[in-house]
Every structure is written in structure tokens, then in C-alpha cells.
Amino acid sequence: MGLLSILRKLKSAPDQEVRILLLGLDNAGKTTLLKQLASEDISHITPTQGFNIKSVQSQGFKLNVWDIGGQRKIRPYWRNYFENTDILIYVIDSADRKRFEETGQVKNCSVEIFPK
């Protein structure tokens, strides 16, 4: 199932804005994913200092995509971006097997999936 199929199920009116949050360790591919969604050149990507935001229009949806840096010092601040987020995408670099354990041990960023 593709991202837009999931969005259609989440939102009754497809002309609504959707906030997507990209999280993951540094160098996991979050900025590459963001640039591909925005149809931008991915031949030169630099590490994210803080965050990147792009608005992408696709099939009637306005996607506001937030790419948050994954450096160890930034991770405790991830929780500040969860509010009003419709979709959380956690990016894992499957080729970086040395960091699998680290990606599973990310701390201090608990999120409430379903509002009370």
C-alpha cells in the first residue's frame, strides 16, 4: 500500500494538508527521501543541521514533510515535533547493519500514537 493510499484513508477530504515527520539516525536517508518526494536532485546531500521542511503537492494532497536531524544530541528534541503530526516515518538504513542495535535503542522520544 502506497503513501497516498494511506492518506486517503486518514483524511476524508483529499484537499487537506497532511503533516509528515521523518525521523531516524543520522545518515539513514531521511533527506534523500524528502528530496525525492519533492522531485529534487539527490546527487549532493549534506547532513541536516536541525531540520528541513518541504511542502509537496501530490494528487490533491498538500504534504508538509519535516525532516529532523538524527544526530545523537538532537534526538531528545524529536518529541517537540510530534504535535499535529499525521504520519511518522522512521527511516532505517538497511545497509548499515552496525547501527541496527542503535536504531532500536533510541530513547527520550516517546510518542502517543492514539490521542486520549
PDB file of N, CA and C in Angstrom:
ATOM      1  N   MET A   1       0.855  -1.173   0.000  1.00  0.00           N
ATOM      2  CA  MET A   1       0.000   0.000   0.000  1.00  0.00           C
ATOM      3  C   MET A   1       0.896   1.229   0.000  1.00  0.00           C
ATOM      4  N   GLY A   2       0.623   2.175  -0.898  1.00  0.00           N
ATOM      5  CA  GLY A   2       1.428   3.370  -1.016  1.00  0.00           C
ATOM      6  C   GLY A   2       1.017   4.456  -0.041  1.00  0.00           C
ATOM      7  N   LEU A   3       1.870   5.458   0.064  1.00  0.00           N
ATOM      8  CA  LEU A   3       1.643   6.579   0.980  1.00  0.00           C
ATOM      9  C   LEU A   3       0.328   7.290   0.686  1.00  0.00           C
ATOM     10  N   LEU A   4       0.027   7.541  -0.577  1.00  0.00           N
ATOM     11  CA  LEU A   4      -1.203   8.258  -0.911  1.00  0.00           C
ATOM     12  C   LEU A   4      -2.446   7.430  -0.593  1.00  0.00           C
ATOM     13  N   SER A   5      -2.354   6.111  -0.701  1.00  0.00           N
ATOM     14  CA  SER A   5      -3.488   5.253  -0.312  1.00  0.00           C
ATOM     15  C   SER A   5      -3.758   5.370   1.181  1.00  0.00           C
ATOM     16  N   ILE A   6      -2.703   5.414   1.966  1.00  0.00           N
ATOM     17  CA  ILE A   6      -2.840   5.564   3.413  1.00  0.00           C
ATOM     18  C   ILE A   6      -3.441   6.925   3.733  1.00  0.00           C
ATOM     19  N   LEU A   7      -2.995   7.954   3.026  1.00  0.00           N
ATOM     20  CA  LEU A   7      -3.512   9.303   3.254  1.00  0.00           C
ATOM     21  C   LEU A   7      -4.999   9.389   2.955  1.00  0.00           C
ATOM     22  N   ARG A   8      -5.431   8.728   1.891  1.00  0.00           N
ATOM     23  CA  ARG A   8      -6.852   8.758   1.540  1.00  0.00           C
ATOM     24  C   ARG A   8      -7.701   8.150   2.654  1.00  0.00           C
ATOM     25  N   LYS A   9      -7.187   7.124   3.302  1.00  0.00           N
ATOM     26  CA  LYS A   9      -7.922   6.506   4.407  1.00  0.00           C
ATOM     27  C   LYS A   9      -7.937   7.399   5.639  1.00  0.00           C
ATOM     28  N   LEU A  10      -6.854   8.148   5.860  1.00  0.00           N
ATOM     29  CA  LEU A  10      -6.756   9.019   7.028  1.00  0.00           C
ATOM     30  C   LEU A  10      -7.603  10.275   6.896  1.00  0.00           C
ATOM     31  N   LYS A  11      -7.635  10.823   5.735  1.00  0.00           N
ATOM     32  CA  LYS A  11      -8.287  12.120   5.529  1.00  0.00           C
ATOM     33  C   LYS A  11      -9.521  11.946   4.660  1.00  0.00           C
ATOM     34  N   SER A  12     -10.638  12.460   5.123  1.00  0.00           N
ATOM     35  CA  SER A  12     -11.875  12.347   4.358  1.00  0.00           C
ATOM     36  C   SER A  12     -11.875  13.280   3.150  1.00  0.00           C
ATOM     37  N   ALA A  13     -11.291  14.454   3.291  1.00  0.00           N
ATOM     38  CA  ALA A  13     -11.206  15.406   2.180  1.00  0.00           C
ATOM     39  C   ALA A  13      -9.768  15.452   1.680  1.00  0.00           C
ATOM     40  N   PRO A  14      -9.523  14.991   0.442  1.00  0.00           N
ATOM     41  CA  PRO A  14      -8.144  14.921  -0.053  1.00  0.00           C
ATOM     42  C   PRO A  14      -7.458  16.256  -0.254  1.00  0.00           C
ATOM     43  N   ASP A  15      -8.204  17.378  -0.159  1.00  0.00           N
ATOM     44  CA  ASP A  15      -7.561  18.677  -0.351  1.00  0.00           C
ATOM     45  C   ASP A  15      -6.958  19.214   0.945  1.00  0.00           C
ATOM     46  N   GLN A  16      -6.983  18.426   2.011  1.00  0.00           N
ATOM     47  CA  GLN A  16      -6.431  18.852   3.288  1.00  0.00           C
ATOM     48  C   GLN A  16      -4.910  18.730   3.294  1.00  0.00           C
ATOM     49  N   GLU A  17      -4.319  19.480   4.223  1.00  0.00           N
ATOM     50  CA  GLU A  17      -2.874  19.388   4.411  1.00  0.00           C
ATOM     51  C   GLU A  17      -2.567  18.226   5.339  1.00  0.00           C
ATOM     52  N   VAL A  18      -1.458  17.558   5.073  1.00  0.00           N
ATOM     53  CA  VAL A  18      -1.022  16.423   5.878  1.00  0.00           C
ATOM     54  C   VAL A  18       0.404  16.694   6.340  1.00  0.00           C
ATOM     55  N   ARG A  19       0.634  16.546   7.635  1.00  0.00           N
ATOM     56  CA  ARG A  19       1.982  16.757   8.174  1.00  0.00           C
ATOM     57  C   ARG A  19       2.651  15.395   8.361  1.00  0.00           C
ATOM     58  N   ILE A  20       3.818  15.246   7.735  1.00  0.00           N
ATOM     59  CA  ILE A  20       4.595  14.009   7.802  1.00  0.00           C
ATOM     60  C   ILE A  20       5.911  14.318   8.494  1.00  0.00           C
ATOM     61  N   LEU A  21       6.279  13.475   9.438  1.00  0.00           N
ATOM     62  CA  LEU A  21       7.519  13.648  10.186  1.00  0.00           C
ATOM     63  C   LEU A  21       8.466  12.504   9.835  1.00  0.00           C
ATOM     64  N   LEU A  22       9.673  12.844   9.358  1.00  0.00           N
ATOM     65  CA  LEU A  22      10.704  11.852   9.039  1.00  0.00           C
ATOM     66  C   LEU A  22      11.727  11.829  10.171  1.00  0.00           C
ATOM     67  N   LEU A  23      11.868  10.681  10.810  1.00  0.00           N
ATOM     68  CA  LEU A  23      12.854  10.508  11.879  1.00  0.00           C
ATOM     69  C   LEU A  23      13.729   9.309  11.566  1.00  0.00           C
ATOM     70  N   GLY A  24      14.876   9.256  12.184  1.00  0.00           N
ATOM     71  CA  GLY A  24      15.814   8.153  12.022  1.00  0.00           C
ATOM     72  C   GLY A  24      17.202   8.634  12.402  1.00  0.00           C
ATOM     73  N   LEU A  25      18.129   7.699  12.510  1.00  0.00           N
ATOM     74  CA  LEU A  25      19.501   8.060  12.855  1.00  0.00           C
ATOM     75  C   LEU A  25      20.103   8.951  11.773  1.00  0.00           C
ATOM     76  N   ASP A  26      21.182   9.634  12.122  1.00  0.00           N
ATOM     77  CA  ASP A  26      21.896  10.432  11.137  1.00  0.00           C
ATOM     78  C   ASP A  26      22.392   9.519  10.014  1.00  0.00           C
ATOM     79  N   ASN A  27      22.377  10.039   8.811  1.00  0.00           N
ATOM     80  CA  ASN A  27      22.805   9.311   7.610  1.00  0.00           C
ATOM     81  C   ASN A  27      21.937   8.105   7.275  1.00  0.00           C
ATOM     82  N   ALA A  28      20.682   8.108   7.695  1.00  0.00           N
ATOM     83  CA  ALA A  28      19.782   6.989   7.396  1.00  0.00           C
ATOM     84  C   ALA A  28      19.106   7.146   6.036  1.00  0.00           C
ATOM     85  N   GLY A  29      19.049   8.372   5.497  1.00  0.00           N
ATOM     86  CA  GLY A  29      18.424   8.594   4.201  1.00  0.00           C
ATOM     87  C   GLY A  29      17.177   9.467   4.251  1.00  0.00           C
ATOM     88  N   LYS A  30      16.946  10.142   5.371  1.00  0.00           N
ATOM     89  CA  LYS A  30      15.746  10.980   5.531  1.00  0.00           C
ATOM     90  C   LYS A  30      15.716  12.126   4.528  1.00  0.00           C
ATOM     91  N   THR A  31      16.827  12.835   4.376  1.00  0.00           N
ATOM     92  CA  THR A  31      16.872  13.975   3.455  1.00  0.00           C
ATOM     93  C   THR A  31      16.762  13.502   2.011  1.00  0.00           C
ATOM     94  N   THR A  32      17.337  12.366   1.695  1.00  0.00           N
ATOM     95  CA  THR A  32      17.217  11.801   0.346  1.00  0.00           C
ATOM     96  C   THR A  32      15.752  11.504   0.043  1.00  0.00           C
ATOM     97  N   LEU A  33      15.054  10.909   0.998  1.00  0.00           N
ATOM     98  CA  LEU A  33      13.629  10.622   0.835  1.00  0.00           C
ATOM     99  C   LEU A  33      12.835  11.919   0.634  1.00  0.00           C
ATOM    100  N   LEU A  34      13.128  12.924   1.445  1.00  0.00           N
ATOM    101  CA  LEU A  34      12.457  14.215   1.336  1.00  0.00           C
ATOM    102  C   LEU A  34      12.671  14.829  -0.042  1.00  0.00           C
ATOM    103  N   LYS A  35      13.917  14.832  -0.510  1.00  0.00           N
ATOM    104  CA  LYS A  35      14.220  15.423  -1.813  1.00  0.00           C
ATOM    105  C   LYS A  35      13.578  14.633  -2.948  1.00  0.00           C
ATOM    106  N   GLN A  36      13.491  13.314  -2.815  1.00  0.00           N
ATOM    107  CA  GLN A  36      12.828  12.517  -3.847  1.00  0.00           C
ATOM    108  C   GLN A  36      11.341  12.816  -3.888  1.00  0.00           C
ATOM    109  N   LEU A  37      10.708  12.977  -2.732  1.00  0.00           N
ATOM    110  CA  LEU A  37       9.286  13.344  -2.690  1.00  0.00           C
ATOM    111  C   LEU A  37       9.048  14.690  -3.369  1.00  0.00           C
ATOM    112  N   ALA A  38      10.020  15.608  -3.228  1.00  0.00           N
ATOM    113  CA  ALA A  38       9.908  16.945  -3.807  1.00  0.00           C
ATOM    114  C   ALA A  38      10.450  17.010  -5.240  1.00  0.00           C
ATOM    115  N   SER A  39      10.818  15.860  -5.804  1.00  0.00           N
ATOM    116  CA  SER A  39      11.375  15.777  -7.164  1.00  0.00           C
ATOM    117  C   SER A  39      12.601  16.668  -7.328  1.00  0.00           C
ATOM    118  N   GLU A  40      13.474  16.669  -6.330  1.00  0.00           N
ATOM    119  CA  GLU A  40      14.704  17.460  -6.372  1.00  0.00           C
ATOM    120  C   GLU A  40      15.911  16.555  -6.629  1.00  0.00           C
ATOM    121  N   ASP A  41      17.010  17.169  -7.025  1.00  0.00           N
ATOM    122  CA  ASP A  41      18.257  16.457  -7.283  1.00  0.00           C
ATOM    123  C   ASP A  41      18.799  15.858  -5.990  1.00  0.00           C
ATOM    124  N   ILE A  42      19.158  14.594  -6.030  1.00  0.00           N
ATOM    125  CA  ILE A  42      19.684  13.931  -4.827  1.00  0.00           C
ATOM    126  C   ILE A  42      21.167  13.595  -4.964  1.00  0.00           C
ATOM    127  N   SER A  43      21.840  14.178  -5.958  1.00  0.00           N
ATOM    128  CA  SER A  43      23.250  13.849  -6.176  1.00  0.00           C
ATOM    129  C   SER A  43      24.174  14.480  -5.128  1.00  0.00           C
ATOM    130  N   HIS A  44      23.701  15.533  -4.457  1.00  0.00           N
ATOM    131  CA  HIS A  44      24.534  16.173  -3.426  1.00  0.00           C
ATOM    132  C   HIS A  44      23.673  16.451  -2.191  1.00  0.00           C
ATOM    133  N   ILE A  45      23.877  15.640  -1.165  1.00  0.00           N
ATOM    134  CA  ILE A  45      23.108  15.796   0.074  1.00  0.00           C
ATOM    135  C   ILE A  45      24.101  15.995   1.216  1.00  0.00           C
ATOM    136  N   THR A  46      23.816  16.983   2.049  1.00  0.00           N
ATOM    137  CA  THR A  46      24.670  17.243   3.211  1.00  0.00           C
ATOM    138  C   THR A  46      23.899  16.892   4.480  1.00  0.00           C
ATOM    139  N   PRO A  47      24.607  16.608   5.574  1.00  0.00           N
ATOM    140  CA  PRO A  47      23.925  16.279   6.833  1.00  0.00           C
ATOM    141  C   PRO A  47      22.993  17.404   7.278  1.00  0.00           C
ATOM    142  N   THR A  48      21.847  17.031   7.807  1.00  0.00           N
ATOM    143  CA  THR A  48      20.854  18.004   8.255  1.00  0.00           C
ATOM    144  C   THR A  48      21.267  18.589   9.591  1.00  0.00           C
ATOM    145  N   GLN A  49      21.362  19.900   9.634  1.00  0.00           N
ATOM    146  CA  GLN A  49      21.640  20.612  10.878  1.00  0.00           C
ATOM    147  C   GLN A  49      20.309  21.179  11.357  1.00  0.00           C
ATOM    148  N   GLY A  50      19.681  20.539  12.299  1.00  0.00           N
ATOM    149  CA  GLY A  50      18.364  20.977  12.761  1.00  0.00           C
ATOM    150  C   GLY A  50      17.290  20.231  12.012  1.00  0.00           C
ATOM    151  N   PHE A  51      16.636  20.912  11.040  1.00  0.00           N
ATOM    152  CA  PHE A  51      15.567  20.259  10.283  1.00  0.00           C
ATOM    153  C   PHE A  51      15.401  20.900   8.910  1.00  0.00           C
ATOM    154  N   ASN A  52      14.751  20.165   8.016  1.00  0.00           N
ATOM    155  CA  ASN A  52      14.365  20.640   6.684  1.00  0.00           C
ATOM    156  C   ASN A  52      12.853  20.484   6.581  1.00  0.00           C
ATOM    157  N   ILE A  53      12.204  21.413   5.910  1.00  0.00           N
ATOM    158  CA  ILE A  53      10.768  21.321   5.681  1.00  0.00           C
ATOM    159  C   ILE A  53      10.508  21.544   4.200  1.00  0.00           C
ATOM    160  N   LYS A  54       9.685  20.696   3.619  1.00  0.00           N
ATOM    161  CA  LYS A  54       9.265  20.857   2.225  1.00  0.00           C
ATOM    162  C   LYS A  54       7.764  20.660   2.153  1.00  0.00           C
ATOM    163  N   SER A  55       7.112  21.456   1.329  1.00  0.00           N
ATOM    164  CA  SER A  55       5.698  21.258   1.029  1.00  0.00           C
ATOM    165  C   SER A  55       5.612  20.686  -0.376  1.00  0.00           C
ATOM    166  N   VAL A  56       4.925  19.561  -0.492  1.00  0.00           N
ATOM    167  CA  VAL A  56       4.819  18.856  -1.761  1.00  0.00           C
ATOM    168  C   VAL A  56       3.340  18.679  -2.091  1.00  0.00           C
ATOM    169  N   GLN A  57       2.965  19.020  -3.313  1.00  0.00           N
ATOM    170  CA  GLN A  57       1.589  18.829  -3.778  1.00  0.00           C
ATOM    171  C   GLN A  57       1.560  17.533  -4.578  1.00  0.00           C
ATOM    172  N   SER A  58       0.668  16.614  -4.199  1.00  0.00           N
ATOM    173  CA  SER A  58       0.595  15.346  -4.906  1.00  0.00           C
ATOM    174  C   SER A  58      -0.833  14.808  -4.880  1.00  0.00           C
ATOM    175  N   GLN A  59      -1.413  14.650  -6.044  1.00  0.00           N
ATOM    176  CA  GLN A  59      -2.747  14.079  -6.218  1.00  0.00           C
ATOM    177  C   GLN A  59      -3.775  14.685  -5.261  1.00  0.00           C
ATOM    178  N   GLY A  60      -3.783  15.995  -5.162  1.00  0.00           N
ATOM    179  CA  GLY A  60      -4.769  16.679  -4.340  1.00  0.00           C
ATOM    180  C   GLY A  60      -4.383  16.843  -2.886  1.00  0.00           C
ATOM    181  N   PHE A  61      -3.277  16.277  -2.476  1.00  0.00           N
ATOM    182  CA  PHE A  61      -2.813  16.405  -1.102  1.00  0.00           C
ATOM    183  C   PHE A  61      -1.670  17.403  -1.033  1.00  0.00           C
ATOM    184  N   LYS A  62      -1.675  18.226   0.012  1.00  0.00           N
ATOM    185  CA  LYS A  62      -0.516  19.068   0.292  1.00  0.00           C
ATOM    186  C   LYS A  62       0.212  18.384   1.442  1.00  0.00           C
ATOM    187  N   LEU A  63       1.391  17.875   1.153  1.00  0.00           N
ATOM    188  CA  LEU A  63       2.198  17.170   2.145  1.00  0.00           C
ATOM    189  C   LEU A  63       3.228  18.137   2.709  1.00  0.00           C
ATOM    190  N   ASN A  64       3.161  18.396   3.996  1.00  0.00           N
ATOM    191  CA  ASN A  64       4.175  19.183   4.690  1.00  0.00           C
ATOM    192  C   ASN A  64       5.096  18.182   5.372  1.00  0.00           C
ATOM    193  N   VAL A  65       6.279  18.004   4.800  1.00  0.00           N
ATOM    194  CA  VAL A  65       7.198  16.969   5.252  1.00  0.00           C
ATOM    195  C   VAL A  65       8.327  17.604   6.058  1.00  0.00           C
ATOM    196  N   TRP A  66       8.479  17.138   7.293  1.00  0.00           N
ATOM    197  CA  TRP A  66       9.518  17.618   8.201  1.00  0.00           C
ATOM    198  C   TRP A  66      10.594  16.544   8.317  1.00  0.00           C
ATOM    199  N   ASP A  67      11.812  16.888   7.974  1.00  0.00           N
ATOM    200  CA  ASP A  67      12.987  16.009   8.065  1.00  0.00           C
ATOM    201  C   ASP A  67      13.815  16.528   9.235  1.00  0.00           C
ATOM    202  N   ILE A  68      13.847  15.770  10.327  1.00  0.00           N
ATOM    203  CA  ILE A  68      14.535  16.197  11.541  1.00  0.00           C
ATOM    204  C   ILE A  68      15.891  15.493  11.621  1.00  0.00           C
ATOM    205  N   GLY A  69      16.934  16.239  11.938  1.00  0.00           N
ATOM    206  CA  GLY A  69      18.276  15.665  12.058  1.00  0.00           C
ATOM    207  C   GLY A  69      18.303  14.493  13.035  1.00  0.00           C
ATOM    208  N   GLY A  70      19.170  13.533  12.768  1.00  0.00           N
ATOM    209  CA  GLY A  70      19.219  12.326  13.585  1.00  0.00           C
ATOM    210  C   GLY A  70      20.464  12.191  14.443  1.00  0.00           C
ATOM    211  N   GLN A  71      21.243  13.263  14.576  1.00  0.00           N
ATOM    212  CA  GLN A  71      22.430  13.191  15.413  1.00  0.00           C
ATOM    213  C   GLN A  71      22.020  12.924  16.869  1.00  0.00           C
ATOM    214  N   ARG A  72      22.863  12.231  17.581  1.00  0.00           N
ATOM    215  CA  ARG A  72      22.568  11.823  18.966  1.00  0.00           C
ATOM    216  C   ARG A  72      22.134  13.004  19.849  1.00  0.00           C
ATOM    217  N   LYS A  73      22.763  14.149  19.695  1.00  0.00           N
ATOM    218  CA  LYS A  73      22.441  15.314  20.531  1.00  0.00           C
ATOM    219  C   LYS A  73      21.076  15.915  20.209  1.00  0.00           C
ATOM    220  N   ILE A  74      20.579  15.679  18.997  1.00  0.00           N
ATOM    221  CA  ILE A  74      19.296  16.241  18.578  1.00  0.00           C
ATOM    222  C   ILE A  74      18.125  15.333  18.961  1.00  0.00           C
ATOM    223  N   ARG A  75      18.338  14.046  19.058  1.00  0.00           N
ATOM    224  CA  ARG A  75      17.248  13.081  19.274  1.00  0.00           C
ATOM    225  C   ARG A  75      16.349  13.383  20.466  1.00  0.00           C
ATOM    226  N   PRO A  76      16.856  13.867  21.609  1.00  0.00           N
ATOM    227  CA  PRO A  76      15.929  14.178  22.715  1.00  0.00           C
ATOM    228  C   PRO A  76      14.905  15.255  22.367  1.00  0.00           C
ATOM    229  N   TYR A  77      15.155  16.039  21.318  1.00  0.00           N
ATOM    230  CA  TYR A  77      14.245  17.114  20.925  1.00  0.00           C
ATOM    231  C   TYR A  77      13.185  16.652  19.924  1.00  0.00           C
ATOM    232  N   TRP A  78      13.290  15.408  19.434  1.00  0.00           N
ATOM    233  CA  TRP A  78      12.316  14.904  18.475  1.00  0.00           C
ATOM    234  C   TRP A  78      10.891  15.046  18.998  1.00  0.00           C
ATOM    235  N   ARG A  79      10.688  14.807  20.287  1.00  0.00           N
ATOM    236  CA  ARG A  79       9.333  14.835  20.851  1.00  0.00           C
ATOM    237  C   ARG A  79       8.643  16.179  20.639  1.00  0.00           C
ATOM    238  N   ASN A  80       9.403  17.234  20.443  1.00  0.00           N
ATOM    239  CA  ASN A  80       8.817  18.556  20.230  1.00  0.00           C
ATOM    240  C   ASN A  80       8.134  18.692  18.864  1.00  0.00           C
ATOM    241  N   TYR A  81       8.351  17.749  17.972  1.00  0.00           N
ATOM    242  CA  TYR A  81       7.793  17.821  16.625  1.00  0.00           C
ATOM    243  C   TYR A  81       6.570  16.928  16.432  1.00  0.00           C
ATOM    244  N   PHE A  82       6.209  16.116  17.427  1.00  0.00           N
ATOM    245  CA  PHE A  82       5.119  15.157  17.275  1.00  0.00           C
ATOM    246  C   PHE A  82       3.738  15.797  17.181  1.00  0.00           C
ATOM    247  N   GLU A  83       3.520  16.917  17.853  1.00  0.00           N
ATOM    248  CA  GLU A  83       2.202  17.528  17.889  1.00  0.00           C
ATOM    249  C   GLU A  83       1.727  17.887  16.476  1.00  0.00           C
ATOM    250  N   ASN A  84       0.489  17.575  16.195  1.00  0.00           N
ATOM    251  CA  ASN A  84      -0.159  17.830  14.904  1.00  0.00           C
ATOM    252  C   ASN A  84       0.444  17.036  13.747  1.00  0.00           C
ATOM    253  N   THR A  85       1.205  15.989  14.046  1.00  0.00           N
ATOM    254  CA  THR A  85       1.762  15.135  13.005  1.00  0.00           C
ATOM    255  C   THR A  85       0.739  14.067  12.648  1.00  0.00           C
ATOM    256  N   ASP A  86       0.499  13.902  11.346  1.00  0.00           N
ATOM    257  CA  ASP A  86      -0.449  12.893  10.876  1.00  0.00           C
ATOM    258  C   ASP A  86       0.232  11.556  10.624  1.00  0.00           C
ATOM    259  N   ILE A  87       1.462  11.596  10.126  1.00  0.00           N
ATOM    260  CA  ILE A  87       2.188  10.373   9.782  1.00  0.00           C
ATOM    261  C   ILE A  87       3.628  10.492  10.253  1.00  0.00           C
ATOM    262  N   LEU A  88       4.108   9.456  10.919  1.00  0.00           N
ATOM    263  CA  LEU A  88       5.505   9.377  11.340  1.00  0.00           C
ATOM    264  C   LEU A  88       6.172   8.284  10.520  1.00  0.00           C
ATOM    265  N   ILE A  89       7.244   8.644   9.836  1.00  0.00           N
ATOM    266  CA  ILE A  89       8.028   7.667   9.073  1.00  0.00           C
ATOM    267  C   ILE A  89       9.391   7.584   9.726  1.00  0.00           C
ATOM    268  N   TYR A  90       9.743   6.384  10.216  1.00  0.00           N
ATOM    269  CA  TYR A  90      11.047   6.172  10.839  1.00  0.00           C
ATOM    270  C   TYR A  90      11.926   5.471   9.810  1.00  0.00           C
ATOM    271  N   VAL A  91      12.990   6.135   9.392  1.00  0.00           N
ATOM    272  CA  VAL A  91      13.847   5.650   8.316  1.00  0.00           C
ATOM    273  C   VAL A  91      15.029   4.885   8.910  1.00  0.00           C
ATOM    274  N   ILE A  92      15.246   3.670   8.385  1.00  0.00           N
ATOM    275  CA  ILE A  92      16.366   2.830   8.820  1.00  0.00           C
ATOM    276  C   ILE A  92      17.188   2.473   7.586  1.00  0.00           C
ATOM    277  N   ASP A  93      18.486   2.687   7.666  1.00  0.00           N
ATOM    278  CA  ASP A  93      19.390   2.322   6.583  1.00  0.00           C
ATOM    279  C   ASP A  93      19.688   0.829   6.710  1.00  0.00           C
ATOM    280  N   SER A  94      19.051   0.030   5.880  1.00  0.00           N
ATOM    281  CA  SER A  94      19.198  -1.429   5.980  1.00  0.00           C
ATOM    282  C   SER A  94      20.596  -1.904   5.590  1.00  0.00           C
ATOM    283  N   ALA A  95      21.384  -1.063   4.937  1.00  0.00           N
ATOM    284  CA  ALA A  95      22.746  -1.434   4.570  1.00  0.00           C
ATOM    285  C   ALA A  95      23.731  -1.178   5.707  1.00  0.00           C
ATOM    286  N   ASP A  96      23.315  -0.426   6.708  1.00  0.00           N
ATOM    287  CA  ASP A  96      24.189  -0.073   7.832  1.00  0.00           C
ATOM    288  C   ASP A  96      23.910  -1.007   9.014  1.00  0.00           C
ATOM    289  N   ARG A  97      24.295  -2.250   8.873  1.00  0.00           N
ATOM    290  CA  ARG A  97      23.987  -3.265   9.879  1.00  0.00           C
ATOM    291  C   ARG A  97      24.631  -2.991  11.235  1.00  0.00           C
ATOM    292  N   LYS A  98      25.721  -2.253  11.253  1.00  0.00           N
ATOM    293  CA  LYS A  98      26.397  -1.937  12.515  1.00  0.00           C
ATOM    294  C   LYS A  98      25.533  -1.053  13.414  1.00  0.00           C
ATOM    295  N   ARG A  99      24.565  -0.338  12.828  1.00  0.00           N
ATOM    296  CA  ARG A  99      23.758   0.599  13.613  1.00  0.00           C
ATOM    297  C   ARG A  99      22.339   0.091  13.876  1.00  0.00           C
ATOM    298  N   PHE A 100      22.038  -1.146  13.508  1.00  0.00           N
ATOM    299  CA  PHE A 100      20.699  -1.700  13.772  1.00  0.00           C
ATOM    300  C   PHE A 100      20.355  -1.634  15.254  1.00  0.00           C
ATOM    301  N   GLU A 101      21.300  -2.029  16.093  1.00  0.00           N
ATOM    302  CA  GLU A 101      21.041  -2.022  17.530  1.00  0.00           C
ATOM    303  C   GLU A 101      20.791  -0.591  18.023  1.00  0.00           C
ATOM    304  N   GLU A 102      21.577   0.353  17.532  1.00  0.00           N
ATOM    305  CA  GLU A 102      21.412   1.747  17.952  1.00  0.00           C
ATOM    306  C   GLU A 102      20.035   2.284  17.557  1.00  0.00           C
ATOM    307  N   THR A 103      19.580   1.955  16.366  1.00  0.00           N
ATOM    308  CA  THR A 103      18.285   2.480  15.928  1.00  0.00           C
ATOM    309  C   THR A 103      17.142   1.909  16.761  1.00  0.00           C
ATOM    310  N   GLY A 104      17.323   0.740  17.308  1.00  0.00           N
ATOM    311  CA  GLY A 104      16.303   0.142  18.163  1.00  0.00           C
ATOM    312  C   GLY A 104      16.346   0.645  19.591  1.00  0.00           C
ATOM    313  N   GLN A 105      17.388   1.367  19.947  1.00  0.00           N
ATOM    314  CA  GLN A 105      17.553   1.843  21.322  1.00  0.00           C
ATOM    315  C   GLN A 105      17.385   3.351  21.440  1.00  0.00           C
ATOM    316  N   VAL A 106      16.777   3.992  20.461  1.00  0.00           N
ATOM    317  CA  VAL A 106      16.568   5.439  20.530  1.00  0.00           C
ATOM    318  C   VAL A 106      15.681   5.733  21.731  1.00  0.00           C
ATOM    319  N   LYS A 107      16.150   6.635  22.588  1.00  0.00           N
ATOM    320  CA  LYS A 107      15.463   6.932  23.847  1.00  0.00           C
ATOM    321  C   LYS A 107      14.973   8.370  23.875  1.00  0.00           C
ATOM    322  N   ASN A 108      14.151   8.651  24.873  1.00  0.00           N
ATOM    323  CA  ASN A 108      13.689  10.007  25.149  1.00  0.00           C
ATOM    324  C   ASN A 108      12.859  10.639  24.046  1.00  0.00           C
ATOM    325  N   CYS A 109      12.146   9.833  23.282  1.00  0.00           N
ATOM    326  CA  CYS A 109      11.295  10.429  22.253  1.00  0.00           C
ATOM    327  C   CYS A 109       9.967   9.692  22.177  1.00  0.00           C
ATOM    328  N   SER A 110       9.413   9.320  23.331  1.00  0.00           N
ATOM    329  CA  SER A 110       8.164   8.571  23.323  1.00  0.00           C
ATOM    330  C   SER A 110       7.055   9.399  22.686  1.00  0.00           C
ATOM    331  N   VAL A 111       6.153   8.693  22.019  1.00  0.00           N
ATOM    332  CA  VAL A 111       5.046   9.334  21.313  1.00  0.00           C
ATOM    333  C   VAL A 111       3.766   8.594  21.641  1.00  0.00           C
ATOM    334  N   GLU A 112       2.696   9.342  21.774  1.00  0.00           N
ATOM    335  CA  GLU A 112       1.380   8.749  21.992  1.00  0.00           C
ATOM    336  C   GLU A 112       0.756   8.564  20.623  1.00  0.00           C
ATOM    337  N   ILE A 113       0.560   7.317  20.228  1.00  0.00           N
ATOM    338  CA  ILE A 113       0.064   7.029  18.894  1.00  0.00           C
ATOM    339  C   ILE A 113      -1.405   7.450  18.742  1.00  0.00           C
ATOM    340  N   PHE A 114      -2.236   7.093  19.711  1.00  0.00           N
ATOM    341  CA  PHE A 114      -3.659   7.431  19.629  1.00  0.00           C
ATOM    342  C   PHE A 114      -3.989   8.440  20.706  1.00  0.00           C
ATOM    343  N   PRO A 115      -4.505   9.607  20.323  1.00  0.00           N
ATOM    344  CA  PRO A 115      -4.859  10.614  21.343  1.00  0.00           C
ATOM    345  C   PRO A 115      -5.946  10.089  22.259  1.00  0.00           C
ATOM    346  N   LYS A 116      -5.906  10.550  23.512  1.00  0.00           N
ATOM    347  CA  LYS A 116      -6.874  10.113  24.507  1.00  0.00           C
ATOM    348  C   LYS A 116      -8.208  10.789  24.294  1.00  0.00           C
TER     349      LYS A 116
END
